[in-house]
Amino acid sequence: MQPWNQVYDPFGNAWLSTIAASIPVIALLAMIASGKVKAHIAAVISLVIALVVAIVGFGMPTGLAGRAAILGMVTGFFPIGWIILNVIFLYRLTVEKGWFAILQQSVAGITADRRIQLLLVAFAFGAFFEGAGGFGTPVAVTGAILIGLGFSPLAASGLSLIANTAPVAFGALGAPIQGLASVTGYDPNILGAMIGRQLPFFSLLVPFWLIWVFAGFRGMVKVWPPILVTGASFAIAQFLISNYVNPWIVDIGASLFSMGCLVLFLKFWKPAEIWTSPALRGHDPSIGYGEARPVALGAGVPGDMPKVHTGARTASQAELIMAWLPWIILSIIVAVWGTGWFKSIVNPIFTWKYEVPGLHNMIMKVPPVVAKPIPEGAVFLFTYMSYTGTGVLIAAIISGLIMRFSPWRLVTAYFETIWVLRYSLITISAMLALGVLTRYAGVDATLGLAFAGTGILYPFFGTLLGWLGVALTGSDTASNVLFGGLQRITSEQLGLSGVLMAAANSSGGVMGKMIDAQSIVVASTATGYFGQEGKILRFVFWHSIALACLVGLLVMLQAYVPPFTDMVIHPAATAAAPH
């Protein structure tokens, strides 16, 4: 069987080919936004549409299309669904024993102000989990914590998504940057440094944006000092670590520094008025959602530990330690699981490498997307021990035993969690199937080439290409692998810095993270708002576009306008990354 060459203009007309390529994602977003089609059904329908577009429109052989979709389904569960399943399992255990209510009280003990709780949990704590694990972990954890703190489901879901933006390019211990380096040939340290000259502006902006969305402009202005402390400390650490240390530990270092600065600042500063409303300012359709339609995200069987709620008796020091212990264990294990040395120990032993027959190296990526034809590999590396989700499961089991769950109860609680998340897992697998299929079919590249034809405006639209890539694939890493080579080729043809545009792909991509369907399903699942993904998408959509456009404007300035051009690292200053 001869390899199949991808076709990027199957209709001989760039406009028609681009419109055809966009049909699956437009259909998916439209169905979700309508609120009339359940997310898992919308995902399956969109996958069927993508198969038709790939086979009929782009001439992809049926066998290749089917195998690509199946590979995507498996990839959807490992590692994405695997993380969500085990994070929610841990969350449900802490709810059942009453420890989560105590954690809620302890966060309120730092501050009862909802705005500052958002800074602490959604932004800073979420950035730590993004840096350590990525792949949906921060939204799952912060969404669950915020809903436990009493935030409305839409606030907990949407604000977790908005907060999980600026740290994404350095997430999972720099995985997006490593992926970008692998397809561009640039040194990952140089790429990390360039991204570190773009995202700190938004690390400063996003906390203000977050509180403005939640509490309105006046509500945001009244707590500007802690917002500034949170954003500035994160931005400064993000810049310094990315430019003078390495790109792998940026999020972990910056998040810990930011949390420390905020907690210390709160010892000397208090808001004049405590903001206690858990709802979004203005209209919040999710208020009363849990009362009208109970959602069994948390295991509801009372444990032997007395539950302590805010406003009831104060938890003892020992109870506070125990309430935080599961999340401390989770943080430590996830941080270890993400390190290169741990992966180098376990992956050679606990890995199943499966080259998908009839798909591996049977598809050729061709110019102008790449400099010369290269085969697309199709290898499923089942690195089951080093998956972040496996670390989360181990943390949950350890925590469950510490909380005095019986082994039998742990097993039954796990199956209960699977049942609660069944539709979410189907949705995530179908989303990834769609993303992997469109990549192998060359559909994503067709959309990318449309952005690449914008000439002098390319720095702006090239940045939006990264946004589109993440919106389509759900991953900044995947977007970088998909479009990184195209960014380098196009920028060199236009006389721009390849490093600038490769970095812009990743920086612009982070703003697409809040609208990718996979992340929205993770958020809705973590907050018990499943089935309401359309409301979440409509809530975050324009924020995503606005922030992505601001990144694009910054890149335009860095490309053409002094003194911003002085921030740009040029390819001549870089060494090729090892392959």
Protein backbone atom coordinates (compact mmCIF):
# COMPACT_ATOMS: atom_id res chain seq x y z
CA MET A 1 0.00 0.00 0.00
CA GLN A 2 1.41 3.36 -1.06
CA PRO A 3 1.45 6.28 1.39
CA TRP A 4 -1.26 8.87 0.86
CA ASN A 5 -0.20 12.50 0.33
CA GLN A 6 -2.23 15.10 2.17
CA VAL A 7 -4.13 17.53 -0.08
CA TYR A 8 -4.54 21.07 1.25
CA ASP A 9 -6.62 22.55 -1.60
CA PRO A 10 -8.83 19.69 -2.76
CA PHE A 11 -11.30 21.96 -4.57
CA GLY A 12 -8.69 24.00 -6.45
CA ASN A 13 -10.00 27.08 -4.69
CA ALA A 14 -8.52 28.21 -1.38
CA TRP A 15 -11.81 29.72 -0.19
CA LEU A 16 -13.87 26.62 -0.88
CA SER A 17 -11.26 24.32 0.64
CA THR A 18 -11.04 26.48 3.76
CA ILE A 19 -14.83 26.55 4.14
CA ALA A 20 -14.97 22.75 3.80
CA ALA A 21 -12.18 22.34 6.36
CA SER A 22 -14.01 24.52 8.88
CA ILE A 23 -17.34 22.65 8.73
CA PRO A 24 -16.63 20.08 11.49
CA VAL A 25 -15.47 22.60 14.09
CA ILE A 26 -18.21 25.11 13.20
CA ALA A 27 -20.80 22.35 13.56
CA LEU A 28 -19.36 21.29 16.91
CA LEU A 29 -19.26 24.79 18.38
CA ALA A 30 -22.71 25.65 17.01
CA MET A 31 -24.31 22.55 18.52
CA ILE A 32 -22.67 23.12 21.89
CA ALA A 33 -23.47 26.83 21.91
CA SER A 34 -27.11 26.17 21.05
CA GLY A 35 -27.59 24.29 24.30
CA LYS A 36 -30.08 22.01 22.51
CA VAL A 37 -27.65 19.17 21.76
CA LYS A 38 -25.92 17.34 24.58
CA ALA A 39 -22.16 17.58 24.48
CA HIS A 40 -21.48 13.89 23.93
CA ILE A 41 -24.01 13.72 21.09
CA ALA A 42 -22.61 16.90 19.52
CA ALA A 43 -19.11 15.44 19.69
CA VAL A 44 -20.16 12.19 18.00
CA ILE A 45 -22.12 14.03 15.27
CA SER A 46 -19.15 16.34 14.62
CA LEU A 47 -16.86 13.32 14.38
CA VAL A 48 -19.13 11.80 11.72
CA ILE A 49 -19.12 15.12 9.81
CA ALA A 50 -15.32 15.24 10.03
CA LEU A 51 -15.10 11.71 8.61
CA VAL A 52 -17.26 12.73 5.66
CA VAL A 53 -15.21 15.88 5.04
CA ALA A 54 -11.92 13.98 5.26
CA ILE A 55 -13.00 11.10 3.02
CA VAL A 56 -15.24 12.83 0.48
CA GLY A 57 -13.83 16.36 0.51
CA PHE A 58 -10.11 15.76 1.04
CA GLY A 59 -9.82 12.32 -0.57
CA MET A 60 -8.50 10.55 2.51
CA PRO A 61 -8.78 6.76 2.16
CA THR A 62 -11.59 5.39 4.31
CA GLY A 63 -9.32 2.93 6.13
CA LEU A 64 -6.86 5.65 7.09
CA ALA A 65 -9.68 7.91 8.30
CA GLY A 66 -11.20 5.18 10.45
CA ARG A 67 -7.89 4.22 12.03
CA ALA A 68 -7.05 7.88 12.75
CA ALA A 69 -10.40 8.37 14.48
CA ILE A 70 -9.94 5.25 16.61
CA LEU A 71 -6.43 6.38 17.58
CA GLY A 72 -7.91 9.73 18.61
CA MET A 73 -10.57 8.06 20.75
CA VAL A 74 -7.95 6.11 22.66
CA THR A 75 -5.83 9.25 23.00
CA GLY A 76 -8.89 11.04 24.37
CA PHE A 77 -9.09 8.67 27.29
CA PHE A 78 -5.34 8.37 27.81
CA PRO A 79 -4.18 10.73 29.12
CA ILE A 80 -7.01 13.34 29.18
CA GLY A 81 -9.97 11.32 30.44
CA TRP A 82 -7.68 9.38 32.79
CA ILE A 83 -6.77 12.62 34.59
CA ILE A 84 -10.37 13.79 34.91
CA LEU A 85 -11.61 10.44 36.17
CA ASN A 86 -9.04 10.25 38.96
CA VAL A 87 -9.19 13.92 40.00
CA ILE A 88 -12.95 13.67 40.43
CA PHE A 89 -12.50 10.36 42.28
CA LEU A 90 -10.22 12.09 44.79
CA TYR A 91 -12.61 15.02 45.07
CA ARG A 92 -15.56 12.73 45.77
CA LEU A 93 -13.64 10.94 48.52
CA THR A 94 -12.84 14.22 50.28
CA VAL A 95 -16.49 15.27 50.02
CA GLU A 96 -17.72 11.97 51.45
CA LYS A 97 -15.51 12.22 54.53
CA GLY A 98 -16.23 15.90 55.09
CA TRP A 99 -12.64 16.99 54.49
CA PHE A 100 -13.62 19.18 51.57
CA ALA A 101 -15.93 21.24 53.78
CA ILE A 102 -12.99 21.85 56.10
CA LEU A 103 -10.78 22.85 53.17
CA GLN A 104 -13.50 25.27 52.17
CA GLN A 105 -13.39 26.79 55.63
CA SER A 106 -9.61 27.07 55.57
CA VAL A 107 -9.60 28.97 52.27
CA ALA A 108 -12.30 31.24 53.65
CA GLY A 109 -10.04 31.65 56.69
CA ILE A 110 -7.37 33.19 54.47
CA THR A 111 -10.00 35.47 53.01
CA ALA A 112 -13.80 35.43 52.93
CA ASP A 113 -13.73 37.71 49.89
CA ARG A 114 -14.77 35.76 46.79
CA ARG A 115 -12.62 37.92 44.51
CA ILE A 116 -9.44 37.12 46.39
CA GLN A 117 -10.42 33.44 46.63
CA LEU A 118 -10.50 33.45 42.84
CA LEU A 119 -6.99 34.89 42.69
CA LEU A 120 -5.70 32.29 45.11
CA VAL A 121 -7.48 29.20 43.77
CA ALA A 122 -8.34 29.76 40.09
CA PHE A 123 -5.24 31.71 39.06
CA ALA A 124 -2.30 30.88 41.34
CA PHE A 125 -3.20 27.36 42.53
CA GLY A 126 -4.45 26.49 39.04
CA ALA A 127 -1.15 27.63 37.53
CA PHE A 128 0.69 25.20 39.80
CA PHE A 129 -1.36 22.28 38.52
CA GLU A 130 -0.94 23.52 34.95
CA GLY A 131 2.81 23.53 35.39
CA ALA A 132 2.95 20.14 37.07
CA GLY A 133 0.35 18.20 35.10
CA GLY A 134 -1.46 20.20 32.43
CA PHE A 135 -3.90 18.38 30.14
CA GLY A 136 -7.05 19.46 31.98
CA THR A 137 -5.75 18.95 35.52
CA PRO A 138 -5.94 22.62 36.65
CA VAL A 139 -9.50 23.17 35.44
CA ALA A 140 -10.66 19.91 37.03
CA VAL A 141 -9.06 20.72 40.39
CA THR A 142 -9.87 24.43 40.61
CA GLY A 143 -13.40 23.94 39.28
CA ALA A 144 -14.08 21.32 41.97
CA ILE A 145 -12.59 23.53 44.70
CA LEU A 146 -14.53 26.62 43.61
CA ILE A 147 -17.83 24.77 43.50
CA GLY A 148 -17.03 23.44 46.97
CA LEU A 149 -16.37 26.99 48.16
CA GLY A 150 -19.90 27.89 47.10
CA PHE A 151 -19.33 29.60 43.75
CA SER A 152 -22.14 29.21 41.23
CA PRO A 153 -21.57 26.45 38.64
CA LEU A 154 -21.13 28.91 35.76
CA ALA A 155 -18.75 31.09 37.78
CA ALA A 156 -16.69 28.08 38.89
CA SER A 157 -16.57 26.66 35.34
CA GLY A 158 -16.06 29.81 33.31
CA LEU A 159 -13.63 31.55 35.64
CA SER A 160 -11.48 28.42 35.95
CA LEU A 161 -11.23 28.40 32.16
CA ILE A 162 -10.35 32.11 31.92
CA ALA A 163 -7.71 31.78 34.66
CA ASN A 164 -6.12 28.79 32.95
CA THR A 165 -4.61 30.79 30.08
CA ALA A 166 -1.38 32.65 30.78
CA PRO A 167 0.36 29.61 32.34
CA VAL A 168 -0.58 27.15 29.55
CA ALA A 169 2.42 27.67 27.25
CA PHE A 170 4.73 26.42 30.03
CA GLY A 171 2.32 23.71 31.20
CA ALA A 172 3.10 20.07 31.96
CA LEU A 173 6.73 20.97 32.70
CA GLY A 174 7.19 22.71 29.35
CA ALA A 175 5.61 20.06 27.10
CA PRO A 176 4.23 22.65 24.60
CA ILE A 177 7.69 24.19 24.21
CA GLN A 178 9.33 20.82 23.72
CA GLY A 179 6.77 20.02 21.04
CA LEU A 180 7.41 23.38 19.36
CA ALA A 181 11.16 22.80 19.38
CA SER A 182 10.75 19.36 17.83
CA VAL A 183 9.03 20.71 14.69
CA THR A 184 10.86 24.03 14.28
CA GLY A 185 14.43 22.98 15.06
CA TYR A 186 14.85 25.92 17.44
CA ASP A 187 16.44 25.53 20.87
CA PRO A 188 13.62 25.07 23.43
CA ASN A 189 15.40 27.43 25.82
CA ILE A 190 15.30 30.17 23.16
CA LEU A 191 11.65 29.51 22.42
CA GLY A 192 10.85 29.57 26.13
CA ALA A 193 12.67 32.88 26.51
CA MET A 194 10.69 34.43 23.63
CA ILE A 195 7.38 33.21 25.03
CA GLY A 196 8.57 34.64 28.34
CA ARG A 197 8.75 38.04 26.63
CA GLN A 198 5.12 37.82 25.53
CA LEU A 199 3.00 36.11 28.18
CA PRO A 200 4.08 38.12 31.27
CA PHE A 201 2.02 41.04 29.91
CA PHE A 202 -1.01 38.76 30.07
CA SER A 203 -0.06 37.17 33.37
CA LEU A 204 -0.43 40.71 34.73
CA LEU A 205 -3.64 41.37 32.79
CA VAL A 206 -5.56 38.10 33.30
CA PRO A 207 -6.05 38.45 37.10
CA PHE A 208 -7.61 41.89 36.53
CA TRP A 209 -9.70 40.48 33.68
CA LEU A 210 -10.78 37.55 35.85
CA ILE A 211 -12.08 39.70 38.69
CA TRP A 212 -13.66 42.20 36.30
CA VAL A 213 -15.65 39.37 34.68
CA PHE A 214 -16.75 38.09 38.08
CA ALA A 215 -17.42 41.26 40.05
CA GLY A 216 -17.68 44.03 37.47
CA PHE A 217 -15.33 46.98 37.00
CA ARG A 218 -16.09 48.63 40.34
CA GLY A 219 -15.78 45.34 42.18
CA MET A 220 -12.42 44.80 40.53
CA VAL A 221 -11.07 48.31 41.26
CA LYS A 222 -11.81 47.94 44.98
CA VAL A 223 -9.36 45.05 45.27
CA TRP A 224 -6.74 46.20 42.77
CA PRO A 225 -3.82 45.92 45.24
CA PRO A 226 -4.02 42.12 45.73
CA ILE A 227 -4.78 41.66 42.03
CA LEU A 228 -1.64 43.62 41.18
CA VAL A 229 0.42 41.65 43.70
CA THR A 230 -0.83 38.34 42.28
CA GLY A 231 -0.35 39.23 38.63
CA ALA A 232 2.90 41.16 38.95
CA SER A 233 4.60 38.53 41.10
CA PHE A 234 3.58 35.78 38.67
CA ALA A 235 4.61 37.83 35.61
CA ILE A 236 8.01 38.79 37.03
CA ALA A 237 8.79 35.22 38.05
CA GLN A 238 7.53 33.94 34.69
CA PHE A 239 9.87 36.30 32.81
CA LEU A 240 12.92 35.69 34.98
CA ILE A 241 12.64 31.89 35.10
CA SER A 242 11.90 31.53 31.37
CA ASN A 243 14.76 33.83 30.32
CA TYR A 244 17.42 33.04 32.91
CA VAL A 245 16.72 29.52 34.23
CA ASN A 246 14.80 27.17 31.91
CA PRO A 247 11.31 26.77 30.42
CA TRP A 248 10.47 23.58 32.30
CA ILE A 249 9.75 24.90 35.80
CA VAL A 250 8.28 28.29 34.92
CA ASP A 251 4.70 27.66 36.05
CA ILE A 252 5.62 25.83 39.24
CA GLY A 253 8.08 28.50 40.33
CA ALA A 254 5.87 31.44 39.32
CA SER A 255 2.72 29.98 40.93
CA LEU A 256 4.41 29.26 44.25
CA PHE A 257 5.96 32.73 44.28
CA SER A 258 2.60 34.32 43.41
CA MET A 259 0.70 32.39 46.11
CA GLY A 260 3.33 33.27 48.68
CA CYS A 261 3.26 36.96 47.80
CA LEU A 262 -0.55 37.08 47.91
CA VAL A 263 -0.87 35.30 51.26
CA LEU A 264 1.85 37.51 52.75
CA PHE A 265 0.21 40.66 51.38
CA LEU A 266 -3.13 39.67 52.91
CA LYS A 267 -1.55 39.73 56.36
CA PHE A 268 -1.17 43.49 55.95
CA TRP A 269 -4.12 44.41 53.73
CA LYS A 270 -7.86 43.71 53.95
CA PRO A 271 -10.63 44.77 51.56
CA ALA A 272 -12.82 47.58 52.85
CA GLU A 273 -15.88 45.57 51.90
CA ILE A 274 -16.05 41.76 51.79
CA TRP A 275 -17.54 40.44 48.56
CA THR A 276 -19.64 37.43 49.54
CA SER A 277 -21.79 36.84 46.46
CA PRO A 278 -20.92 33.50 44.80
CA ALA A 279 -22.60 34.45 41.52
CA LEU A 280 -21.43 36.30 38.45
CA ARG A 281 -22.30 39.98 38.57
CA GLY A 282 -25.37 40.59 36.46
CA HIS A 283 -27.26 37.62 35.08
CA ASP A 284 -26.08 34.20 36.24
CA PRO A 285 -28.32 31.44 34.84
CA SER A 286 -26.61 28.81 36.99
CA ILE A 287 -27.86 30.20 40.31
CA GLY A 288 -30.00 27.54 41.94
CA TYR A 289 -28.93 24.97 39.33
CA GLY A 290 -27.82 22.41 41.91
CA GLU A 291 -31.04 22.87 43.89
CA ALA A 292 -33.28 22.52 40.88
CA ARG A 293 -31.36 19.60 39.44
CA PRO A 294 -29.11 17.82 41.94
CA VAL A 295 -25.87 16.60 40.43
CA ALA A 296 -24.10 13.74 42.22
CA LEU A 297 -20.54 14.80 41.64
CA GLY A 298 -19.59 14.42 45.26
CA ALA A 299 -20.08 11.06 46.95
CA GLY A 300 -23.00 11.66 49.24
CA VAL A 301 -22.49 9.08 51.98
CA PRO A 302 -21.50 10.81 55.23
CA GLY A 303 -18.23 9.61 56.67
CA ASP A 304 -17.26 9.17 60.30
CA MET A 305 -15.58 12.60 60.34
CA PRO A 306 -17.81 15.49 61.44
CA LYS A 307 -18.39 17.96 58.65
CA VAL A 308 -17.32 21.50 59.40
CA HIS A 309 -18.88 24.29 57.41
CA THR A 310 -18.12 27.95 57.24
CA GLY A 311 -20.23 29.59 59.89
CA ALA A 312 -20.30 26.47 62.05
CA ARG A 313 -17.62 25.50 64.58
CA THR A 314 -14.03 26.27 63.69
CA ALA A 315 -11.99 23.32 62.51
CA SER A 316 -9.06 22.27 64.67
CA GLN A 317 -5.47 22.56 63.46
CA ALA A 318 -5.32 18.79 62.97
CA GLU A 319 -8.51 18.82 60.91
CA LEU A 320 -7.18 21.63 58.72
CA ILE A 321 -3.99 19.68 58.07
CA MET A 322 -5.98 16.57 57.19
CA ALA A 323 -8.27 18.56 54.90
CA TRP A 324 -5.31 19.86 52.90
CA LEU A 325 -3.34 16.62 53.05
CA PRO A 326 -4.98 14.94 50.00
CA TRP A 327 -4.24 18.00 47.86
CA ILE A 328 -0.69 18.29 49.20
CA ILE A 329 -0.14 14.62 48.38
CA LEU A 330 -1.63 15.23 44.93
CA SER A 331 0.63 18.24 44.34
CA ILE A 332 3.78 16.37 45.34
CA ILE A 333 2.99 13.27 43.29
CA VAL A 334 1.93 15.21 40.20
CA ALA A 335 5.10 17.32 40.41
CA VAL A 336 7.24 14.16 40.61
CA TRP A 337 5.28 12.48 37.81
CA GLY A 338 6.00 15.36 35.46
CA THR A 339 9.77 15.30 35.85
CA GLY A 340 12.02 13.94 33.16
CA TRP A 341 14.02 11.80 35.56
CA PHE A 342 10.90 9.99 36.79
CA LYS A 343 9.73 9.33 33.24
CA SER A 344 13.19 8.09 32.30
CA ILE A 345 12.99 5.54 35.13
CA VAL A 346 9.47 4.17 34.59
CA ASN A 347 8.88 4.55 30.85
CA PRO A 348 11.49 1.97 29.76
CA ILE A 349 9.74 -0.57 32.02
CA PHE A 350 6.07 0.41 31.94
CA THR A 351 5.44 1.28 28.30
CA TRP A 352 3.52 -0.45 25.55
CA LYS A 353 4.46 0.90 22.12
CA TYR A 354 1.88 0.21 19.44
CA GLU A 355 2.49 1.29 15.86
CA VAL A 356 -0.98 1.50 14.36
CA PRO A 357 -0.96 -0.89 11.38
CA GLY A 358 -2.18 0.65 8.17
CA LEU A 359 -1.74 4.18 9.55
CA HIS A 360 1.82 4.52 10.84
CA ASN A 361 3.93 6.32 8.19
CA MET A 362 1.14 5.85 5.64
CA ILE A 363 0.31 9.56 5.40
CA MET A 364 2.72 12.12 3.96
CA LYS A 365 2.74 15.73 5.11
CA VAL A 366 3.88 17.78 2.11
CA PRO A 367 4.92 21.36 1.23
CA PRO A 368 4.04 24.14 1.85
CA VAL A 369 3.17 22.95 5.36
CA VAL A 370 6.64 21.41 5.68
CA ALA A 371 9.86 22.07 3.81
CA LYS A 372 9.95 18.57 2.30
CA PRO A 373 7.60 15.55 2.42
CA ILE A 374 7.69 13.70 5.72
CA PRO A 375 5.64 10.71 6.89
CA GLU A 376 3.18 11.10 9.73
CA GLY A 377 3.89 8.58 12.47
CA ALA A 378 0.98 6.89 14.23
CA VAL A 379 2.36 5.36 17.40
CA PHE A 380 0.32 4.96 20.56
CA LEU A 381 2.74 5.03 23.48
CA PHE A 382 0.84 3.59 26.40
CA THR A 383 3.12 4.98 29.11
CA TYR A 384 0.62 3.97 31.73
CA MET A 385 2.82 4.44 34.78
CA SER A 386 4.04 7.95 33.94
CA TYR A 387 0.61 9.29 32.94
CA THR A 388 -0.35 12.21 35.17
CA GLY A 389 -3.68 10.48 35.76
CA THR A 390 -1.89 7.47 37.23
CA GLY A 391 -0.15 9.74 39.71
CA VAL A 392 -3.52 11.28 40.58
CA LEU A 393 -5.00 7.81 41.13
CA ILE A 394 -2.14 6.85 43.44
CA ALA A 395 -2.62 10.11 45.36
CA ALA A 396 -6.35 9.34 45.65
CA ILE A 397 -5.72 5.82 46.96
CA ILE A 398 -3.15 7.02 49.50
CA SER A 399 -5.48 9.81 50.61
CA GLY A 400 -8.42 7.43 50.79
CA LEU A 401 -6.53 5.08 53.07
CA ILE A 402 -5.43 8.00 55.25
CA MET A 403 -9.07 9.07 55.44
CA ARG A 404 -9.85 5.52 56.64
CA PHE A 405 -11.81 4.30 53.66
CA SER A 406 -11.98 0.53 53.41
CA PRO A 407 -10.46 -1.01 50.26
CA TRP A 408 -13.94 -2.20 49.26
CA ARG A 409 -15.39 1.31 49.59
CA LEU A 410 -12.56 2.71 47.46
CA VAL A 411 -13.40 0.22 44.72
CA THR A 412 -17.14 0.90 44.81
CA ALA A 413 -16.57 4.67 44.94
CA TYR A 414 -14.34 4.39 41.86
CA PHE A 415 -17.03 2.63 39.85
CA GLU A 416 -19.55 5.21 41.02
CA THR A 417 -17.23 7.91 39.69
CA ILE A 418 -16.96 6.17 36.33
CA TRP A 419 -20.75 6.08 36.11
CA VAL A 420 -21.06 9.77 37.01
CA LEU A 421 -18.49 10.71 34.34
CA ARG A 422 -19.63 8.32 31.61
CA TYR A 423 -20.91 11.02 29.25
CA SER A 424 -17.92 13.27 29.89
CA LEU A 425 -15.51 10.46 28.99
CA ILE A 426 -17.44 9.71 25.80
CA THR A 427 -17.34 13.41 24.90
CA ILE A 428 -13.62 13.80 25.50
CA SER A 429 -12.80 10.69 23.47
CA ALA A 430 -14.95 11.88 20.56
CA MET A 431 -13.37 15.35 20.71
CA LEU A 432 -9.88 13.92 20.47
CA ALA A 433 -10.95 11.57 17.69
CA LEU A 434 -12.08 14.61 15.72
CA GLY A 435 -8.83 16.48 16.42
CA VAL A 436 -6.56 13.58 15.48
CA LEU A 437 -8.58 12.82 12.34
CA THR A 438 -8.42 16.41 11.06
CA ARG A 439 -4.66 16.48 11.68
CA TYR A 440 -4.02 13.29 9.73
CA ALA A 441 -6.41 14.38 6.96
CA GLY A 442 -4.60 17.71 6.52
CA VAL A 443 -7.81 19.60 7.31
CA ASP A 444 -6.14 21.62 10.07
CA ALA A 445 -3.27 22.50 7.74
CA THR A 446 -5.74 23.88 5.19
CA LEU A 447 -7.07 26.26 7.83
CA GLY A 448 -3.51 27.17 8.78
CA LEU A 449 -2.56 28.00 5.21
CA ALA A 450 -5.50 30.41 5.03
CA PHE A 451 -4.02 32.34 7.97
CA ALA A 452 -0.56 32.18 6.41
CA GLY A 453 -1.71 34.11 3.35
CA THR A 454 -2.28 37.39 5.19
CA GLY A 455 1.02 39.12 4.26
CA ILE A 456 2.05 42.08 6.40
CA LEU A 457 -0.69 41.24 8.89
CA TYR A 458 0.73 37.77 9.38
CA PRO A 459 2.10 38.46 12.91
CA PHE A 460 -1.49 39.13 14.01
CA PHE A 461 -3.16 36.30 12.11
CA GLY A 462 -0.29 33.89 12.75
CA THR A 463 -0.96 34.41 16.45
CA LEU A 464 -4.64 33.65 15.87
CA LEU A 465 -3.53 30.50 14.06
CA GLY A 466 -2.15 29.26 17.37
CA TRP A 467 -5.47 30.19 19.00
CA LEU A 468 -7.33 28.21 16.34
CA GLY A 469 -5.01 25.23 16.80
CA VAL A 470 -5.73 24.98 20.52
CA ALA A 471 -9.44 25.56 19.99
CA LEU A 472 -9.43 22.64 17.54
CA THR A 473 -7.14 20.21 19.36
CA GLY A 474 -7.59 21.20 23.01
CA SER A 475 -3.83 21.29 23.52
CA ASP A 476 -1.15 23.96 23.16
CA THR A 477 1.33 21.14 22.61
CA ALA A 478 -0.74 19.70 19.76
CA SER A 479 -1.22 23.14 18.21
CA ASN A 480 2.52 23.77 18.33
CA VAL A 481 3.28 20.42 16.70
CA LEU A 482 0.58 21.05 14.10
CA PHE A 483 1.46 24.60 13.10
CA GLY A 484 4.99 25.22 14.42
CA GLY A 485 6.71 24.20 11.19
CA LEU A 486 4.28 26.26 9.12
CA GLN A 487 4.97 29.29 11.33
CA ARG A 488 8.72 29.00 10.73
CA ILE A 489 8.40 28.51 6.96
CA THR A 490 5.93 31.37 6.49
CA SER A 491 7.78 33.83 8.72
CA GLU A 492 11.07 33.19 6.89
CA GLN A 493 9.32 33.81 3.55
CA LEU A 494 8.03 37.14 4.90
CA GLY A 495 11.35 38.20 6.44
CA LEU A 496 10.11 37.88 10.02
CA SER A 497 11.77 36.20 12.97
CA GLY A 498 10.88 32.52 12.98
CA VAL A 499 11.41 32.41 16.72
CA LEU A 500 8.93 35.27 17.18
CA MET A 501 6.19 33.55 15.20
CA ALA A 502 6.83 30.10 16.63
CA ALA A 503 6.52 31.63 20.10
CA ALA A 504 3.42 33.56 19.00
CA ASN A 505 1.79 30.27 18.01
CA SER A 506 2.13 29.07 21.59
CA SER A 507 1.30 32.42 23.24
CA GLY A 508 -1.77 32.97 21.08
CA GLY A 509 -2.77 29.37 21.60
CA VAL A 510 -3.19 29.74 25.34
CA MET A 511 -6.24 31.97 24.79
CA GLY A 512 -7.91 29.23 22.79
CA LYS A 513 -7.70 26.89 25.75
CA MET A 514 -10.84 28.30 27.35
CA ILE A 515 -13.08 27.55 24.35
CA ASP A 516 -11.85 24.14 23.25
CA ALA A 517 -14.69 21.71 23.72
CA GLN A 518 -12.57 19.28 25.70
CA SER A 519 -11.72 21.88 28.36
CA ILE A 520 -15.34 23.00 28.56
CA VAL A 521 -16.45 19.42 29.21
CA VAL A 522 -13.75 19.05 31.88
CA ALA A 523 -15.01 22.24 33.55
CA SER A 524 -18.67 21.24 33.38
CA THR A 525 -17.85 17.82 34.80
CA ALA A 526 -15.76 19.15 37.67
CA THR A 527 -18.47 21.60 38.71
CA GLY A 528 -21.49 19.34 38.24
CA TYR A 529 -22.71 21.57 35.39
CA PHE A 530 -22.60 18.80 32.79
CA GLY A 531 -25.18 19.24 30.06
CA GLN A 532 -24.82 23.04 30.23
CA GLU A 533 -21.67 23.32 28.09
CA GLY A 534 -23.40 25.73 25.71
CA LYS A 535 -23.81 28.29 28.51
CA ILE A 536 -20.15 27.94 29.45
CA LEU A 537 -19.03 28.36 25.82
CA ARG A 538 -21.19 31.44 25.32
CA PHE A 539 -19.83 32.88 28.56
CA VAL A 540 -16.12 32.51 27.71
CA PHE A 541 -16.16 32.81 23.90
CA TRP A 542 -15.76 36.56 23.48
CA HIS A 543 -13.22 36.74 26.28
CA SER A 544 -11.16 34.17 24.39
CA ILE A 545 -11.29 36.12 21.14
CA ALA A 546 -10.56 39.47 22.81
CA LEU A 547 -7.52 38.17 24.67
CA ALA A 548 -6.22 36.34 21.58
CA CYS A 549 -6.48 39.56 19.57
CA LEU A 550 -4.55 41.42 22.26
CA VAL A 551 -1.78 38.82 22.01
CA GLY A 552 -1.84 39.30 18.24
CA LEU A 553 -1.47 43.08 18.63
CA LEU A 554 1.51 42.58 20.94
CA VAL A 555 3.16 40.30 18.38
CA MET A 556 2.53 42.92 15.67
CA LEU A 557 4.31 45.47 17.83
CA GLN A 558 7.20 43.06 18.42
CA ALA A 559 7.45 42.46 14.68
CA TYR A 560 7.42 46.06 13.46
CA VAL A 561 7.47 48.75 16.18
CA PRO A 562 10.51 49.84 18.25
CA PRO A 563 11.23 49.41 21.13
CA PHE A 564 9.12 46.23 21.10
CA THR A 565 11.26 44.89 18.28
CA ASP A 566 14.21 44.89 20.69
CA MET A 567 12.48 42.12 22.63
CA VAL A 568 12.59 39.75 19.67
CA ILE A 569 15.07 36.90 19.55
CA HIS A 570 16.15 36.27 15.96
CA PRO A 571 16.93 32.85 14.49
CA ALA A 572 20.55 33.80 13.87
CA ALA A 573 21.01 33.93 17.63
CA THR A 574 19.74 30.41 18.12
CA ALA A 575 21.23 26.99 17.89
CA ALA A 576 19.32 24.16 16.31
CA ALA A 577 17.64 21.93 18.82
CA PRO A 578 18.92 18.37 18.90
CA HIS A 579 16.77 15.78 17.13
